Amino acid sequence: MGMVLSVPGNTMDVAGVPGNNKYVIKTATFSGTYAGASLTATDLGLESIHILIAQSESGGYVAQYDYTNATLDLFEAGADGAALDEASGTVAAVVRFIAYGR
């Protein structure tokens, strides 16, 4: 599955340096068969990711960064009434996130 990173429509290519840290704001567009999406610090122009906060703009999924596997994952409510299940099958979603790191 492909994921394309872009700058959110209402911002410039935002980056900054608060203290010794850097931050970037990006939009990830998911389309096609979902299998998690690799997202490393290098992809974002960072050496390491301290924290990544993600919010779904469209698609109805809950986005979460997996620090252990360096992936941006999507979750959805399952019919079983249990905790959120990781998305599967064909997915169309847009996720906006901010990542802090070095």
N, C-alpha and C. Protein backbone atom coordinates (compact mmCIF):
# COMPACT_ATOMS: atom_id res chain seq x y z
N MET A 1 0.85 -1.18 0.00
CA MET A 1 0.00 0.00 0.00
C MET A 1 0.88 1.22 0.00
N GLY A 2 0.46 2.22 -0.73
CA GLY A 2 1.22 3.44 -0.78
C GLY A 2 0.72 4.47 0.20
N MET A 3 1.62 5.31 0.66
CA MET A 3 1.26 6.45 1.50
C MET A 3 2.07 7.62 0.97
N VAL A 4 1.42 8.74 0.70
CA VAL A 4 2.08 9.92 0.18
C VAL A 4 2.07 11.00 1.26
N LEU A 5 3.23 11.56 1.59
CA LEU A 5 3.33 12.65 2.54
C LEU A 5 3.24 13.97 1.81
N SER A 6 2.45 14.90 2.36
CA SER A 6 2.34 16.22 1.77
C SER A 6 2.09 17.23 2.87
N VAL A 7 2.13 18.50 2.50
CA VAL A 7 1.90 19.58 3.44
C VAL A 7 0.40 19.85 3.49
N PRO A 8 -0.20 19.99 4.70
CA PRO A 8 -1.63 20.28 4.80
C PRO A 8 -1.99 21.52 3.99
N GLY A 9 -3.18 21.53 3.42
CA GLY A 9 -3.62 22.59 2.53
C GLY A 9 -3.61 23.99 3.10
N ASN A 10 -3.82 24.14 4.40
CA ASN A 10 -3.90 25.49 4.95
C ASN A 10 -2.62 25.92 5.65
N THR A 11 -1.49 25.23 5.39
CA THR A 11 -0.22 25.62 6.01
C THR A 11 0.89 25.63 4.97
N MET A 12 2.00 26.25 5.35
CA MET A 12 3.20 26.17 4.53
C MET A 12 3.91 24.88 4.93
N ASP A 13 5.05 24.60 4.32
CA ASP A 13 5.83 23.44 4.73
C ASP A 13 6.40 23.79 6.09
N VAL A 14 5.69 23.42 7.15
CA VAL A 14 5.97 23.88 8.50
C VAL A 14 7.03 23.02 9.15
N ALA A 15 8.02 23.67 9.69
CA ALA A 15 9.04 23.03 10.50
C ALA A 15 9.60 24.09 11.43
N GLY A 16 10.12 23.69 12.54
CA GLY A 16 10.66 24.65 13.49
C GLY A 16 11.68 23.99 14.39
N VAL A 17 12.28 24.80 15.26
CA VAL A 17 13.28 24.30 16.17
C VAL A 17 12.99 24.82 17.57
N PRO A 18 12.12 24.12 18.36
CA PRO A 18 11.90 24.52 19.75
C PRO A 18 13.00 23.93 20.63
N GLY A 19 13.92 24.78 21.09
CA GLY A 19 15.06 24.27 21.85
C GLY A 19 15.97 23.49 20.93
N ASN A 20 16.40 22.32 21.37
CA ASN A 20 17.25 21.46 20.54
C ASN A 20 16.44 20.55 19.63
N ASN A 21 15.13 20.62 19.73
CA ASN A 21 14.26 19.72 18.97
C ASN A 21 13.75 20.38 17.71
N LYS A 22 13.33 19.55 16.79
CA LYS A 22 12.70 20.00 15.55
C LYS A 22 11.29 19.45 15.52
N TYR A 23 10.44 20.05 14.72
CA TYR A 23 9.13 19.47 14.49
C TYR A 23 8.76 19.63 13.03
N VAL A 24 7.91 18.74 12.55
CA VAL A 24 7.37 18.81 11.20
C VAL A 24 5.88 18.50 11.27
N ILE A 25 5.13 19.14 10.40
CA ILE A 25 3.69 18.88 10.26
C ILE A 25 3.48 18.36 8.85
N LYS A 26 2.86 17.22 8.73
CA LYS A 26 2.64 16.59 7.42
C LYS A 26 1.24 16.00 7.34
N THR A 27 0.84 15.69 6.13
CA THR A 27 -0.39 14.95 5.87
C THR A 27 -0.01 13.65 5.18
N ALA A 28 -0.56 12.54 5.66
CA ALA A 28 -0.35 11.24 5.05
C ALA A 28 -1.65 10.80 4.39
N THR A 29 -1.59 10.48 3.12
CA THR A 29 -2.77 10.03 2.38
C THR A 29 -2.63 8.54 2.12
N PHE A 30 -3.55 7.76 2.66
CA PHE A 30 -3.56 6.31 2.48
C PHE A 30 -4.53 5.97 1.35
N SER A 31 -4.10 5.07 0.47
CA SER A 31 -5.01 4.58 -0.58
C SER A 31 -4.56 3.19 -0.99
N GLY A 32 -5.51 2.35 -1.25
CA GLY A 32 -5.20 0.99 -1.68
C GLY A 32 -5.29 0.00 -0.55
N THR A 33 -4.63 -1.12 -0.72
CA THR A 33 -4.67 -2.20 0.26
C THR A 33 -3.82 -1.81 1.47
N TYR A 34 -4.43 -1.83 2.64
CA TYR A 34 -3.76 -1.39 3.86
C TYR A 34 -2.93 -2.51 4.47
N ALA A 35 -1.69 -2.18 4.82
CA ALA A 35 -0.83 -3.12 5.53
C ALA A 35 0.06 -2.37 6.50
N GLY A 36 -0.39 -1.22 7.01
CA GLY A 36 0.46 -0.37 7.84
C GLY A 36 1.38 0.41 6.91
N ALA A 37 1.90 1.51 7.36
CA ALA A 37 2.74 2.32 6.49
C ALA A 37 4.03 2.67 7.23
N SER A 38 5.15 2.26 6.67
CA SER A 38 6.44 2.58 7.26
C SER A 38 6.61 4.09 7.30
N LEU A 39 7.04 4.60 8.46
CA LEU A 39 7.28 6.03 8.62
C LEU A 39 8.43 6.20 9.60
N THR A 40 9.61 6.49 9.07
CA THR A 40 10.80 6.62 9.90
C THR A 40 11.14 8.08 10.12
N ALA A 41 12.03 8.33 11.07
CA ALA A 41 12.52 9.68 11.32
C ALA A 41 13.15 10.26 10.06
N THR A 42 13.90 9.45 9.33
CA THR A 42 14.55 9.90 8.11
C THR A 42 13.53 10.38 7.07
N ASP A 43 12.38 9.71 6.98
CA ASP A 43 11.32 10.14 6.06
C ASP A 43 10.88 11.57 6.34
N LEU A 44 11.02 11.99 7.60
CA LEU A 44 10.56 13.30 8.02
C LEU A 44 11.69 14.31 8.16
N GLY A 45 12.90 13.93 7.79
CA GLY A 45 14.05 14.83 7.91
C GLY A 45 14.56 14.95 9.33
N LEU A 46 14.27 13.95 10.16
CA LEU A 46 14.70 13.94 11.55
C LEU A 46 15.70 12.81 11.78
N GLU A 47 16.45 12.89 12.87
CA GLU A 47 17.33 11.80 13.26
C GLU A 47 16.59 10.79 14.12
N SER A 48 15.63 11.28 14.92
CA SER A 48 14.83 10.41 15.78
C SER A 48 13.48 11.08 16.01
N ILE A 49 12.47 10.27 16.33
CA ILE A 49 11.13 10.79 16.63
C ILE A 49 10.91 10.64 18.13
N HIS A 50 10.70 11.77 18.82
CA HIS A 50 10.39 11.73 20.25
C HIS A 50 8.91 11.46 20.47
N ILE A 51 8.07 12.13 19.69
CA ILE A 51 6.62 11.93 19.80
C ILE A 51 5.99 12.29 18.46
N LEU A 52 4.97 11.53 18.09
CA LEU A 52 4.21 11.81 16.88
C LEU A 52 2.74 11.77 17.26
N ILE A 53 2.05 12.88 16.99
CA ILE A 53 0.63 13.00 17.31
C ILE A 53 -0.13 13.05 15.99
N ALA A 54 -1.05 12.12 15.81
CA ALA A 54 -1.76 11.99 14.54
C ALA A 54 -3.26 12.12 14.74
N GLN A 55 -3.93 12.71 13.75
CA GLN A 55 -5.38 12.85 13.78
C GLN A 55 -5.92 12.62 12.37
N SER A 56 -6.96 11.82 12.28
CA SER A 56 -7.57 11.53 10.99
C SER A 56 -8.38 12.72 10.49
N GLU A 57 -8.11 13.13 9.25
CA GLU A 57 -8.89 14.20 8.61
C GLU A 57 -10.10 13.63 7.90
N SER A 58 -9.93 12.43 7.34
CA SER A 58 -11.03 11.79 6.62
C SER A 58 -10.87 10.28 6.68
N GLY A 59 -11.93 9.58 6.46
CA GLY A 59 -11.90 8.13 6.42
C GLY A 59 -12.48 7.48 7.66
N GLY A 60 -12.56 8.22 8.77
CA GLY A 60 -13.17 7.68 9.98
C GLY A 60 -12.29 6.74 10.78
N TYR A 61 -11.01 6.71 10.49
CA TYR A 61 -10.09 5.82 11.21
C TYR A 61 -9.42 6.57 12.36
N VAL A 62 -8.89 5.81 13.30
CA VAL A 62 -8.06 6.36 14.37
C VAL A 62 -6.61 6.06 13.99
N ALA A 63 -5.79 7.11 13.93
CA ALA A 63 -4.39 6.94 13.54
C ALA A 63 -3.51 6.90 14.78
N GLN A 64 -2.48 6.06 14.73
CA GLN A 64 -1.56 5.94 15.85
C GLN A 64 -0.18 5.57 15.32
N TYR A 65 0.86 6.19 15.88
CA TYR A 65 2.23 5.85 15.49
C TYR A 65 2.75 4.70 16.34
N ASP A 66 3.32 3.70 15.71
CA ASP A 66 3.92 2.55 16.39
C ASP A 66 5.43 2.80 16.45
N TYR A 67 5.91 3.22 17.61
CA TYR A 67 7.33 3.57 17.78
C TYR A 67 8.24 2.36 17.62
N THR A 68 7.81 1.20 18.04
CA THR A 68 8.63 0.00 17.95
C THR A 68 8.88 -0.41 16.51
N ASN A 69 7.83 -0.37 15.69
CA ASN A 69 7.93 -0.83 14.30
C ASN A 69 8.06 0.31 13.30
N ALA A 70 8.05 1.56 13.77
CA ALA A 70 8.16 2.75 12.91
C ALA A 70 7.12 2.72 11.79
N THR A 71 5.84 2.58 12.19
CA THR A 71 4.75 2.59 11.23
C THR A 71 3.64 3.53 11.69
N LEU A 72 2.94 4.11 10.74
CA LEU A 72 1.74 4.88 11.02
C LEU A 72 0.57 3.96 10.75
N ASP A 73 -0.17 3.61 11.79
CA ASP A 73 -1.21 2.59 11.71
C ASP A 73 -2.60 3.21 11.81
N LEU A 74 -3.56 2.56 11.19
CA LEU A 74 -4.96 2.98 11.23
C LEU A 74 -5.79 1.92 11.93
N PHE A 75 -6.72 2.38 12.77
CA PHE A 75 -7.60 1.47 13.51
C PHE A 75 -9.05 1.86 13.27
N GLU A 76 -9.94 0.87 13.41
CA GLU A 76 -11.37 1.11 13.22
C GLU A 76 -12.16 0.31 14.25
N ALA A 77 -13.39 0.72 14.46
CA ALA A 77 -14.27 0.00 15.38
C ALA A 77 -14.70 -1.30 14.71
N GLY A 78 -14.54 -2.39 15.43
CA GLY A 78 -14.96 -3.67 14.90
C GLY A 78 -16.38 -3.98 15.34
N ALA A 79 -17.02 -4.89 14.68
CA ALA A 79 -18.39 -5.27 15.01
C ALA A 79 -18.46 -6.11 16.28
N ASP A 80 -17.29 -6.55 16.77
CA ASP A 80 -17.27 -7.43 17.94
C ASP A 80 -17.41 -6.68 19.27
N GLY A 81 -17.39 -5.35 19.23
CA GLY A 81 -17.55 -4.57 20.45
C GLY A 81 -16.29 -4.50 21.29
N ALA A 82 -15.20 -5.08 20.83
CA ALA A 82 -13.94 -5.06 21.56
C ALA A 82 -13.18 -3.77 21.24
N ALA A 83 -11.95 -3.69 21.70
CA ALA A 83 -11.10 -2.53 21.41
C ALA A 83 -10.93 -2.38 19.90
N LEU A 84 -10.41 -1.26 19.48
CA LEU A 84 -10.24 -0.99 18.05
C LEU A 84 -9.39 -2.06 17.39
N ASP A 85 -9.79 -2.41 16.16
CA ASP A 85 -9.06 -3.38 15.35
C ASP A 85 -8.24 -2.61 14.32
N GLU A 86 -7.05 -3.14 14.00
CA GLU A 86 -6.27 -2.51 12.95
C GLU A 86 -7.01 -2.66 11.63
N ALA A 87 -6.99 -1.60 10.83
CA ALA A 87 -7.68 -1.60 9.54
C ALA A 87 -7.14 -2.72 8.65
N SER A 88 -7.97 -3.15 7.72
CA SER A 88 -7.55 -4.16 6.75
C SER A 88 -8.31 -3.93 5.46
N GLY A 89 -7.84 -4.57 4.41
CA GLY A 89 -8.50 -4.42 3.12
C GLY A 89 -8.17 -3.09 2.48
N THR A 90 -9.08 -2.61 1.65
CA THR A 90 -8.88 -1.36 0.95
C THR A 90 -9.22 -0.19 1.86
N VAL A 91 -8.30 0.77 1.95
CA VAL A 91 -8.45 1.91 2.85
C VAL A 91 -8.23 3.20 2.07
N ALA A 92 -9.07 4.20 2.35
CA ALA A 92 -8.87 5.55 1.83
C ALA A 92 -8.99 6.48 3.03
N ALA A 93 -7.89 7.13 3.38
CA ALA A 93 -7.90 8.00 4.55
C ALA A 93 -6.80 9.05 4.44
N VAL A 94 -7.04 10.18 5.09
CA VAL A 94 -6.05 11.25 5.18
C VAL A 94 -5.79 11.51 6.66
N VAL A 95 -4.51 11.52 7.04
CA VAL A 95 -4.11 11.72 8.43
C VAL A 95 -3.15 12.90 8.49
N ARG A 96 -3.44 13.84 9.38
CA ARG A 96 -2.53 14.96 9.62
C ARG A 96 -1.78 14.67 10.92
N PHE A 97 -0.46 14.95 10.92
CA PHE A 97 0.31 14.68 12.12
C PHE A 97 1.41 15.71 12.34
N ILE A 98 1.84 15.79 13.60
CA ILE A 98 2.99 16.59 13.97
C ILE A 98 3.96 15.65 14.66
N ALA A 99 5.22 15.73 14.25
CA ALA A 99 6.25 14.89 14.84
C ALA A 99 7.36 15.78 15.42
N TYR A 100 7.72 15.50 16.66
CA TYR A 100 8.84 16.19 17.32
C TYR A 100 10.00 15.21 17.42
N GLY A 101 11.19 15.71 17.20
CA GLY A 101 12.35 14.87 17.32
C GLY A 101 13.63 15.67 17.19
N ARG A 102 14.67 14.98 16.82
CA ARG A 102 15.99 15.61 16.56
C ARG A 102 16.39 15.35 15.14
